[in-house]
Amino acid sequence: MEELQASLAAGQTGSEELLYFWALGDLHYSAQTEWRVHHTPRLSHMYQDLRQLWAREGAPAFCVSPGDIVEFGDLGHYQEAGQQLRLNLGNVPFYPGLGNHELYTSGEEREADLLKDFSTFWSKALHYYWVEGEVLCVMLDVIGYPKPELSRESLSFLATALAKHPQHIAIIFAHCPLYKTVLARDAAGSLDYDSCDDFFSIGNSAEVRTLLAEHRNVCLYLSGHTHTGWQSPSLVTTERLGEHPVTHVNLSSPWYTGRNHGAGWIENEQRYVYRADQPDSIVSLAVHVMRDQVWLRLRDHGAGDWLTEWRVPVR
């Protein structure tokens, strides 16, 4: 890996680096004691490895997580997430997104109140953008579960942000992937949830694709939600929209991957267990944006090693 980083620094990729950031899949923080027994050690592996890596390579401009940062939208879960992220990320800025689990609660709060709680806790609008040098980053809010979509307001916001920054390389973050981008690791679909399912993809994907096709500065669409294992052949997939390529990147969750895995009660809620995927990896993604390409590196924090990498076009 150090040789790859050295070649990048030396300009052997033929393009200077404009932005380096880290993308974290669905984190699912919970204040529940039984949950934390399994959750805390897994994410501790991730953060320890990240800190060691950043000490060698330099810290990223920011970390981003597009939704399901908490298991439930209750204050205690938000407080647990905020405390752990501040403790482990230090001075690295964190950009949160809205997921479906932010809209679940142990009480009877209305969705409007849960949306307000998200904005209040993170001090962020439901959709927002920020600019890093020559790169535009747009965070969108997906609503309407169990048939999620991007609202008219969110699409209008995206169109305005892209039109306002036509010369910037644009990266979009949203909780759900577009239809038929990320697929399961097996043909039968028994290993993973995937974006062919209504619950696991944007319902108005065709409309979103039409909008992206109109803006040649869009190069990446990053999502989570499916918890798909990293060996999926379409975890990173590039399609041509209009006259330019757009690459869809689905973030595997460091909490768990695959169908019916993770933590839960068994034996009539007498025992709480964690069921791991096979192979079990604790992963997140490094993103290096250059003028002509984006270099994506997938890290297994449990093993402290790189799993794979992709180089995808910008324009």
Foldseek 3Di string as FASTA:
>chain_A
DVVVLVCQVVCVVVWHFQFKEWEAEQLAFDPDPLQCVQRVVLVVLVLVLLVVVCVVRNHGQAYEYAANLHQALDPSRLVRSVVVCCVRVPPHHYYYAYDVRLQHHPDDDDSVVSQVSVCVSVVHHNWDWDDRGQEIEIEFHWDDPQQIAGDPVRLVVVLVSCVVRLRGQYAYEHAAAAAPQFAAQDPVRQWWDGRPDRNRHHNVSVVVLQSVLVRQSYAEYEHERTLHDPNTPRQWDWDHRNHHIHIYHYWHHLQAHTPPFAWDADPVRPDIDGGHHVVHFRWIWMWTDTPFWIKIWIAGSVVSDTDDIDIGTRD
